PDB file of N, CA and C in Angstrom:
ATOM      1  N   UNK A   1     -39.652 -62.140-128.721  1.00  0.00           N
ATOM      2  CA  UNK A   1     -40.942 -62.724-128.446  1.00  0.00           C
ATOM      3  C   UNK A   1     -41.982 -61.651-128.169  1.00  0.00           C
ATOM      4  N   UNK A   2     -41.601 -60.598-127.460  1.00  0.00           N
ATOM      5  CA  UNK A   2     -42.520 -59.518-127.142  1.00  0.00           C
ATOM      6  C   UNK A   2     -42.956 -58.810-128.421  1.00  0.00           C
ATOM      7  N   UNK A   3     -42.018 -58.610-129.344  1.00  0.00           N
ATOM      8  CA  UNK A   3     -42.339 -57.950-130.608  1.00  0.00           C
ATOM      9  C   UNK A   3     -43.361 -58.774-131.379  1.00  0.00           C
ATOM     10  N   UNK A   4     -43.183 -60.068-131.450  1.00  0.00           N
ATOM     11  CA  UNK A   4     -44.129 -60.930-132.172  1.00  0.00           C
ATOM     12  C   UNK A   4     -45.503 -60.862-131.533  1.00  0.00           C
ATOM     13  N   UNK A   5     -45.571 -60.846-130.222  1.00  0.00           N
ATOM     14  CA  UNK A   5     -46.852 -60.762-129.519  1.00  0.00           C
ATOM     15  C   UNK A   5     -47.543 -59.438-129.822  1.00  0.00           C
ATOM     16  N   UNK A   6     -46.798 -58.364-129.827  1.00  0.00           N
ATOM     17  CA  UNK A   6     -47.372 -57.047-130.158  1.00  0.00           C
ATOM     18  C   UNK A   6     -47.894 -57.024-131.589  1.00  0.00           C
ATOM     19  N   UNK A   7     -47.135 -57.612-132.494  1.00  0.00           N
ATOM     20  CA  UNK A   7     -47.547 -57.646-133.897  1.00  0.00           C
ATOM     21  C   UNK A   7     -48.838 -58.439-134.067  1.00  0.00           C
ATOM     22  N   UNK A   8     -48.932 -59.587-133.414  1.00  0.00           N
ATOM     23  CA  UNK A   8     -50.151 -60.390-133.486  1.00  0.00           C
ATOM     24  C   UNK A   8     -51.318 -59.609-132.901  1.00  0.00           C
ATOM     25  N   UNK A   9     -51.092 -58.940-131.790  1.00  0.00           N
ATOM     26  CA  UNK A   9     -52.140 -58.139-131.159  1.00  0.00           C
ATOM     27  C   UNK A   9     -52.605 -57.019-132.093  1.00  0.00           C
ATOM     28  N   UNK A  10     -51.667 -56.357-132.751  1.00  0.00           N
ATOM     29  CA  UNK A  10     -52.006 -55.271-133.677  1.00  0.00           C
ATOM     30  C   UNK A  10     -52.828 -55.796-134.849  1.00  0.00           C
ATOM     31  N   UNK A  11     -52.413 -56.914-135.399  1.00  0.00           N
ATOM     32  CA  UNK A  11     -53.131 -57.511-136.528  1.00  0.00           C
ATOM     33  C   UNK A  11     -54.533 -57.918-136.103  1.00  0.00           C
ATOM     34  N   UNK A  12     -54.663 -58.486-134.915  1.00  0.00           N
ATOM     35  CA  UNK A  12     -55.982 -58.917-134.436  1.00  0.00           C
ATOM     36  C   UNK A  12     -56.918 -57.723-134.245  1.00  0.00           C
ATOM     37  N   UNK A  13     -56.368 -56.567-133.862  1.00  0.00           N
ATOM     38  CA  UNK A  13     -57.181 -55.366-133.726  1.00  0.00           C
ATOM     39  C   UNK A  13     -57.676 -54.873-135.080  1.00  0.00           C
ATOM     40  N   UNK A  14     -56.973 -55.254-136.125  1.00  0.00           N
ATOM     41  CA  UNK A  14     -57.335 -54.832-137.473  1.00  0.00           C
ATOM     42  C   UNK A  14     -58.399 -55.735-138.093  1.00  0.00           C
ATOM     43  N   UNK A  15     -58.682 -56.869-137.482  1.00  0.00           N
ATOM     44  CA  UNK A  15     -59.634 -57.825-138.031  1.00  0.00           C
ATOM     45  C   UNK A  15     -60.917 -57.780-137.215  1.00  0.00           C
ATOM     46  N   UNK A  16     -62.031 -57.617-137.907  1.00  0.00           N
ATOM     47  CA  UNK A  16     -63.339 -57.477-137.259  1.00  0.00           C
ATOM     48  C   UNK A  16     -64.256 -58.644-137.590  1.00  0.00           C
ATOM     49  N   UNK A  17     -65.184 -58.907-136.705  1.00  0.00           N
ATOM     50  CA  UNK A  17     -66.210 -59.917-136.958  1.00  0.00           C
ATOM     51  C   UNK A  17     -67.392 -59.257-137.656  1.00  0.00           C
ATOM     52  N   UNK A  18     -68.303 -60.080-138.157  1.00  0.00           N
ATOM     53  CA  UNK A  18     -69.524 -59.559-138.782  1.00  0.00           C
ATOM     54  C   UNK A  18     -70.288 -58.707-137.774  1.00  0.00           C
ATOM     55  N   UNK A  19     -70.372 -59.177-136.546  1.00  0.00           N
ATOM     56  CA  UNK A  19     -71.091 -58.425-135.502  1.00  0.00           C
ATOM     57  C   UNK A  19     -70.459 -57.046-135.278  1.00  0.00           C
ATOM     58  N   UNK A  20     -69.133 -56.995-135.199  1.00  0.00           N
ATOM     59  CA  UNK A  20     -68.453 -55.715-134.977  1.00  0.00           C
ATOM     60  C   UNK A  20     -68.684 -54.751-136.133  1.00  0.00           C
ATOM     61  N   UNK A  21     -68.631 -55.253-137.359  1.00  0.00           N
ATOM     62  CA  UNK A  21     -68.864 -54.407-138.532  1.00  0.00           C
ATOM     63  C   UNK A  21     -70.312 -53.918-138.540  1.00  0.00           C
ATOM     64  N   UNK A  22     -71.239 -54.811-138.238  1.00  0.00           N
ATOM     65  CA  UNK A  22     -72.660 -54.440-138.215  1.00  0.00           C
ATOM     66  C   UNK A  22     -72.921 -53.344-137.179  1.00  0.00           C
ATOM     67  N   UNK A  23     -72.334 -53.489-136.011  1.00  0.00           N
ATOM     68  CA  UNK A  23     -72.509 -52.468-134.973  1.00  0.00           C
ATOM     69  C   UNK A  23     -71.894 -51.140-135.400  1.00  0.00           C
ATOM     70  N   UNK A  24     -70.723 -51.183-135.985  1.00  0.00           N
ATOM     71  CA  UNK A  24     -70.040 -49.965-136.416  1.00  0.00           C
ATOM     72  C   UNK A  24     -70.837 -49.233-137.498  1.00  0.00           C
ATOM     73  N   UNK A  25     -71.349 -49.991-138.476  1.00  0.00           N
ATOM     74  CA  UNK A  25     -72.078 -49.385-139.597  1.00  0.00           C
ATOM     75  C   UNK A  25     -73.563 -49.208-139.318  1.00  0.00           C
ATOM     76  N   UNK A  26     -74.011 -49.677-138.156  1.00  0.00           N
ATOM     77  CA  UNK A  26     -75.422 -49.615-137.765  1.00  0.00           C
ATOM     78  C   UNK A  26     -76.303 -50.333-138.789  1.00  0.00           C
ATOM     79  N   UNK A  27     -75.861 -51.547-139.131  1.00  0.00           N
ATOM     80  CA  UNK A  27     -76.572 -52.423-140.054  1.00  0.00           C
ATOM     81  C   UNK A  27     -76.894 -53.726-139.338  1.00  0.00           C
ATOM     82  N   UNK A  28     -77.732 -54.529-139.947  1.00  0.00           N
ATOM     83  CA  UNK A  28     -77.975 -55.852-139.382  1.00  0.00           C
ATOM     84  C   UNK A  28     -76.795 -56.760-139.710  1.00  0.00           C
ATOM     85  N   UNK A  29     -76.617 -57.773-138.881  1.00  0.00           N
ATOM     86  CA  UNK A  29     -75.558 -58.754-139.155  1.00  0.00           C
ATOM     87  C   UNK A  29     -75.843 -59.477-140.470  1.00  0.00           C
ATOM     88  N   UNK A  30     -77.122 -59.676-140.765  1.00  0.00           N
ATOM     89  CA  UNK A  30     -77.494 -60.355-142.014  1.00  0.00           C
ATOM     90  C   UNK A  30     -77.008 -59.566-143.225  1.00  0.00           C
ATOM     91  N   UNK A  31     -77.154 -58.255-143.187  1.00  0.00           N
ATOM     92  CA  UNK A  31     -76.695 -57.411-144.303  1.00  0.00           C
ATOM     93  C   UNK A  31     -75.188 -57.543-144.489  1.00  0.00           C
ATOM     94  N   UNK A  32     -74.449 -57.468-143.398  1.00  0.00           N
ATOM     95  CA  UNK A  32     -72.992 -57.585-143.482  1.00  0.00           C
ATOM     96  C   UNK A  32     -72.616 -58.973-143.991  1.00  0.00           C
ATOM     97  N   UNK A  33     -73.279 -60.007-143.499  1.00  0.00           N
ATOM     98  CA  UNK A  33     -73.013 -61.373-143.954  1.00  0.00           C
ATOM     99  C   UNK A  33     -73.273 -61.490-145.458  1.00  0.00           C
ATOM    100  N   UNK A  34     -74.375 -60.912-145.931  1.00  0.00           N
ATOM    101  CA  UNK A  34     -74.689 -60.960-147.371  1.00  0.00           C
ATOM    102  C   UNK A  34     -73.628 -60.241-148.188  1.00  0.00           C
ATOM    103  N   UNK A  35     -73.158 -59.100-147.709  1.00  0.00           N
ATOM    104  CA  UNK A  35     -72.108 -58.362-148.409  1.00  0.00           C
ATOM    105  C   UNK A  35     -70.848 -59.206-148.502  1.00  0.00           C
ATOM    106  N   UNK A  36     -70.506 -59.903-147.416  1.00  0.00           N
ATOM    107  CA  UNK A  36     -69.324 -60.776-147.416  1.00  0.00           C
ATOM    108  C   UNK A  36     -69.512 -61.909-148.419  1.00  0.00           C
ATOM    109  N   UNK A  37     -70.655 -62.534-148.342  1.00  0.00           N
ATOM    110  CA  UNK A  37     -70.945 -63.674-149.211  1.00  0.00           C
ATOM    111  C   UNK A  37     -70.959 -63.271-150.689  1.00  0.00           C
ATOM    112  N   UNK A  38     -71.491 -62.085-150.982  1.00  0.00           N
ATOM    113  CA  UNK A  38     -71.599 -61.610-152.369  1.00  0.00           C
ATOM    114  C   UNK A  38     -70.296 -60.986-152.879  1.00  0.00           C
ATOM    115  N   UNK A  39     -69.353 -60.725-151.986  1.00  0.00           N
ATOM    116  CA  UNK A  39     -68.096 -60.116-152.406  1.00  0.00           C
ATOM    117  C   UNK A  39     -68.119 -58.601-152.406  1.00  0.00           C
ATOM    118  N   UNK A  40     -69.221 -57.999-151.962  1.00  0.00           N
ATOM    119  CA  UNK A  40     -69.289 -56.534-151.886  1.00  0.00           C
ATOM    120  C   UNK A  40     -68.338 -56.016-150.811  1.00  0.00           C
ATOM    121  N   UNK A  41     -68.177 -56.792-149.754  1.00  0.00           N
ATOM    122  CA  UNK A  41     -67.248 -56.482-148.687  1.00  0.00           C
ATOM    123  C   UNK A  41     -66.205 -57.592-148.672  1.00  0.00           C
ATOM    124  N   UNK A  42     -64.959 -57.238-148.959  1.00  0.00           N
ATOM    125  CA  UNK A  42     -63.902 -58.237-149.022  1.00  0.00           C
ATOM    126  C   UNK A  42     -63.677 -58.809-147.627  1.00  0.00           C
ATOM    127  N   UNK A  43     -63.836 -60.128-147.518  1.00  0.00           N
ATOM    128  CA  UNK A  43     -63.733 -60.801-146.227  1.00  0.00           C
ATOM    129  C   UNK A  43     -63.165 -62.197-146.426  1.00  0.00           C
ATOM    130  N   UNK A  44     -62.834 -62.835-145.329  1.00  0.00           N
ATOM    131  CA  UNK A  44     -62.347 -64.209-145.397  1.00  0.00           C
ATOM    132  C   UNK A  44     -63.007 -65.012-144.279  1.00  0.00           C
ATOM    133  N   UNK A  45     -63.060 -66.316-144.498  1.00  0.00           N
ATOM    134  CA  UNK A  45     -63.721 -67.183-143.532  1.00  0.00           C
ATOM    135  C   UNK A  45     -62.717 -67.755-142.548  1.00  0.00           C
ATOM    136  N   UNK A  46     -63.143 -67.823-141.310  1.00  0.00           N
ATOM    137  CA  UNK A  46     -62.418 -68.510-140.255  1.00  0.00           C
ATOM    138  C   UNK A  46     -63.438 -69.461-139.646  1.00  0.00           C
ATOM    139  N   UNK A  47     -63.261 -70.737-139.919  1.00  0.00           N
ATOM    140  CA  UNK A  47     -64.277 -71.701-139.494  1.00  0.00           C
ATOM    141  C   UNK A  47     -65.576 -71.409-140.218  1.00  0.00           C
ATOM    142  N   UNK A  48     -66.619 -71.199-139.462  1.00  0.00           N
ATOM    143  CA  UNK A  48     -67.923 -70.904-140.055  1.00  0.00           C
ATOM    144  C   UNK A  48     -68.211 -69.410-140.164  1.00  0.00           C
ATOM    145  N   UNK A  49     -67.357 -68.592-139.570  1.00  0.00           N
ATOM    146  CA  UNK A  49     -67.614 -67.156-139.531  1.00  0.00           C
ATOM    147  C   UNK A  49     -66.750 -66.363-140.491  1.00  0.00           C
ATOM    148  N   UNK A  50     -67.208 -65.169-140.794  1.00  0.00           N
ATOM    149  CA  UNK A  50     -66.476 -64.254-141.659  1.00  0.00           C
ATOM    150  C   UNK A  50     -65.648 -63.306-140.807  1.00  0.00           C
ATOM    151  N   UNK A  51     -64.515 -62.895-141.346  1.00  0.00           N
ATOM    152  CA  UNK A  51     -63.670 -61.878-140.731  1.00  0.00           C
ATOM    153  C   UNK A  51     -63.370 -60.825-141.785  1.00  0.00           C
ATOM    154  N   UNK A  52     -63.336 -59.575-141.341  1.00  0.00           N
ATOM    155  CA  UNK A  52     -63.175 -58.447-142.252  1.00  0.00           C
ATOM    156  C   UNK A  52     -62.040 -57.561-141.739  1.00  0.00           C
ATOM    157  N   UNK A  53     -61.140 -57.185-142.629  1.00  0.00           N
ATOM    158  CA  UNK A  53     -60.091 -56.239-142.261  1.00  0.00           C
ATOM    159  C   UNK A  53     -60.711 -54.855-142.087  1.00  0.00           C
ATOM    160  N   UNK A  54     -60.258 -54.150-141.075  1.00  0.00           N
ATOM    161  CA  UNK A  54     -60.777 -52.808-140.776  1.00  0.00           C
ATOM    162  C   UNK A  54     -60.675 -51.889-141.999  1.00  0.00           C
ATOM    163  N   UNK A  55     -59.614 -52.022-142.780  1.00  0.00           N
ATOM    164  CA  UNK A  55     -59.425 -51.178-143.972  1.00  0.00           C
ATOM    165  C   UNK A  55     -60.538 -51.397-144.993  1.00  0.00           C
ATOM    166  N   UNK A  56     -61.059 -52.625-145.084  1.00  0.00           N
ATOM    167  CA  UNK A  56     -62.143 -52.910-146.029  1.00  0.00           C
ATOM    168  C   UNK A  56     -63.424 -52.190-145.613  1.00  0.00           C
ATOM    169  N   UNK A  57     -63.647 -52.094-144.313  1.00  0.00           N
ATOM    170  CA  UNK A  57     -64.819 -51.356-143.815  1.00  0.00           C
ATOM    171  C   UNK A  57     -64.660 -49.881-144.173  1.00  0.00           C
ATOM    172  N   UNK A  58     -63.449 -49.374-144.028  1.00  0.00           N
ATOM    173  CA  UNK A  58     -63.180 -47.985-144.399  1.00  0.00           C
ATOM    174  C   UNK A  58     -63.445 -47.722-145.871  1.00  0.00           C
ATOM    175  N   UNK A  59     -63.137 -48.694-146.719  1.00  0.00           N
ATOM    176  CA  UNK A  59     -63.388 -48.544-148.149  1.00  0.00           C
ATOM    177  C   UNK A  59     -64.882 -48.443-148.426  1.00  0.00           C
ATOM    178  N   UNK A  60     -65.673 -49.291-147.761  1.00  0.00           N
ATOM    179  CA  UNK A  60     -67.135 -49.254-147.939  1.00  0.00           C
ATOM    180  C   UNK A  60     -67.680 -47.906-147.507  1.00  0.00           C
ATOM    181  N   UNK A  61     -67.218 -47.417-146.363  1.00  0.00           N
ATOM    182  CA  UNK A  61     -67.673 -46.118-145.864  1.00  0.00           C
ATOM    183  C   UNK A  61     -67.288 -45.022-146.857  1.00  0.00           C
ATOM    184  N   UNK A  62     -66.065 -45.075-147.369  1.00  0.00           N
ATOM    185  CA  UNK A  62     -65.606 -44.079-148.338  1.00  0.00           C
ATOM    186  C   UNK A  62     -66.387 -44.120-149.632  1.00  0.00           C
ATOM    187  N   UNK A  63     -66.687 -45.312-150.123  1.00  0.00           N
ATOM    188  CA  UNK A  63     -67.471 -45.447-151.353  1.00  0.00           C
ATOM    189  C   UNK A  63     -68.863 -44.874-151.166  1.00  0.00           C
ATOM    190  N   UNK A  64     -69.482 -45.166-150.037  1.00  0.00           N
ATOM    191  CA  UNK A  64     -70.837 -44.688-149.787  1.00  0.00           C
ATOM    192  C   UNK A  64     -70.876 -43.183-149.610  1.00  0.00           C
ATOM    193  N   UNK A  65     -69.875 -42.608-148.943  1.00  0.00           N
ATOM    194  CA  UNK A  65     -69.874 -41.167-148.759  1.00  0.00           C
ATOM    195  C   UNK A  65     -69.611 -40.465-150.086  1.00  0.00           C
ATOM    196  N   UNK A  66     -68.780 -41.071-150.958  1.00  0.00           N
ATOM    197  CA  UNK A  66     -68.546 -40.490-152.278  1.00  0.00           C
ATOM    198  C   UNK A  66     -69.819 -40.559-153.119  1.00  0.00           C
ATOM    199  N   UNK A  67     -70.545 -41.671-153.032  1.00  0.00           N
ATOM    200  CA  UNK A  67     -71.793 -41.811-153.788  1.00  0.00           C
ATOM    201  C   UNK A  67     -72.825 -40.806-153.303  1.00  0.00           C
ATOM    202  N   UNK A  68     -72.884 -40.592-151.995  1.00  0.00           N
ATOM    203  CA  UNK A  68     -73.817 -39.609-151.433  1.00  0.00           C
ATOM    204  C   UNK A  68     -73.447 -38.218-151.905  1.00  0.00           C
ATOM    205  N   UNK A  69     -72.153 -37.901-151.890  1.00  0.00           N
ATOM    206  CA  UNK A  69     -71.680 -36.595-152.344  1.00  0.00           C
ATOM    207  C   UNK A  69     -72.040 -36.391-153.820  1.00  0.00           C
ATOM    208  N   UNK A  70     -71.823 -37.434-154.633  1.00  0.00           N
ATOM    209  CA  UNK A  70     -72.129 -37.361-156.057  1.00  0.00           C
ATOM    210  C   UNK A  70     -73.631 -37.134-156.269  1.00  0.00           C
ATOM    211  N   UNK A  71     -74.461 -37.839-155.511  1.00  0.00           N
ATOM    212  CA  UNK A  71     -75.912 -37.693-155.632  1.00  0.00           C
ATOM    213  C   UNK A  71     -76.342 -36.282-155.225  1.00  0.00           C
ATOM    214  N   UNK A  72     -75.714 -35.736-154.177  1.00  0.00           N
ATOM    215  CA  UNK A  72     -76.029 -34.376-153.751  1.00  0.00           C
ATOM    216  C   UNK A  72     -75.689 -33.377-154.856  1.00  0.00           C
ATOM    217  N   UNK A  73     -74.533 -33.546-155.497  1.00  0.00           N
ATOM    218  CA  UNK A  73     -74.120 -32.645-156.575  1.00  0.00           C
ATOM    219  C   UNK A  73     -75.079 -32.737-157.765  1.00  0.00           C
ATOM    220  N   UNK A  74     -75.506 -33.964-158.103  1.00  0.00           N
ATOM    221  CA  UNK A  74     -76.448 -34.142-159.207  1.00  0.00           C
ATOM    222  C   UNK A  74     -77.788 -33.475-158.888  1.00  0.00           C
ATOM    223  N   UNK A  75     -78.220 -33.594-157.640  1.00  0.00           N
ATOM    224  CA  UNK A  75     -79.473 -32.961-157.238  1.00  0.00           C
ATOM    225  C   UNK A  75     -79.356 -31.448-157.317  1.00  0.00           C
ATOM    226  N   UNK A  76     -78.220 -30.902-156.876  1.00  0.00           N
ATOM    227  CA  UNK A  76     -78.008 -29.453-156.949  1.00  0.00           C
ATOM    228  C   UNK A  76     -78.019 -29.000-158.409  1.00  0.00           C
ATOM    229  N   UNK A  77     -77.427 -29.765-159.323  1.00  0.00           N
ATOM    230  CA  UNK A  77     -77.408 -29.415-160.743  1.00  0.00           C
ATOM    231  C   UNK A  77     -78.819 -29.430-161.312  1.00  0.00           C
ATOM    232  N   UNK A  78     -79.593 -30.439-160.934  1.00  0.00           N
ATOM    233  CA  UNK A  78     -80.963 -30.542-161.435  1.00  0.00           C
ATOM    234  C   UNK A  78     -81.804 -29.376-160.948  1.00  0.00           C
ATOM    235  N   UNK A  79     -81.605 -28.963-159.713  1.00  0.00           N
ATOM    236  CA  UNK A  79     -82.356 -27.823-159.168  1.00  0.00           C
ATOM    237  C   UNK A  79     -81.940 -26.542-159.873  1.00  0.00           C
ATOM    238  N   UNK A  80     -80.640 -26.363-160.117  1.00  0.00           N
ATOM    239  CA  UNK A  80     -80.150 -25.166-160.793  1.00  0.00           C
ATOM    240  C   UNK A  80     -80.666 -25.088-162.218  1.00  0.00           C
ATOM    241  N   UNK A  81     -80.760 -26.220-162.917  1.00  0.00           N
ATOM    242  CA  UNK A  81     -81.246 -26.240-164.285  1.00  0.00           C
ATOM    243  C   UNK A  81     -82.750 -25.951-164.353  1.00  0.00           C
ATOM    244  N   UNK A  82     -83.476 -26.313-163.317  1.00  0.00           N
ATOM    245  CA  UNK A  82     -84.924 -26.117-163.344  1.00  0.00           C
ATOM    246  C   UNK A  82     -85.320 -24.679-163.032  1.00  0.00           C
ATOM    247  N   UNK A  83     -84.371 -23.862-162.574  1.00  0.00           N
ATOM    248  CA  UNK A  83     -84.696 -22.460-162.225  1.00  0.00           C
ATOM    249  C   UNK A  83     -84.656 -21.573-163.423  1.00  0.00           C
TER     250      UNK A  83
END
C-alpha cells in the first residue's frame, strides 16, 4: 500500500496545471490554455481544466531554445557574409 501511495504521489508531481506551467514559463495562463487547446502543448482535460505532464513542458522549452540557437547561428552567418 505504501508503494502505491508513493507512486501516485510521484505521478501527481509530474502533472502540472495551466497556472503552474504559466508561472514556470513566465507566460499568461491564457497563452498556456491556447497552446493546450491548439495542440501545441500536449495536455489532457480533467473536468474543465487542462493538465500537462512536466516532460511536455520540457519539450516546449527545448524546442524554443533550439529555435533560438538556430536563429542566433543564422544571424551570425548573415553578419559574416556581409563583411
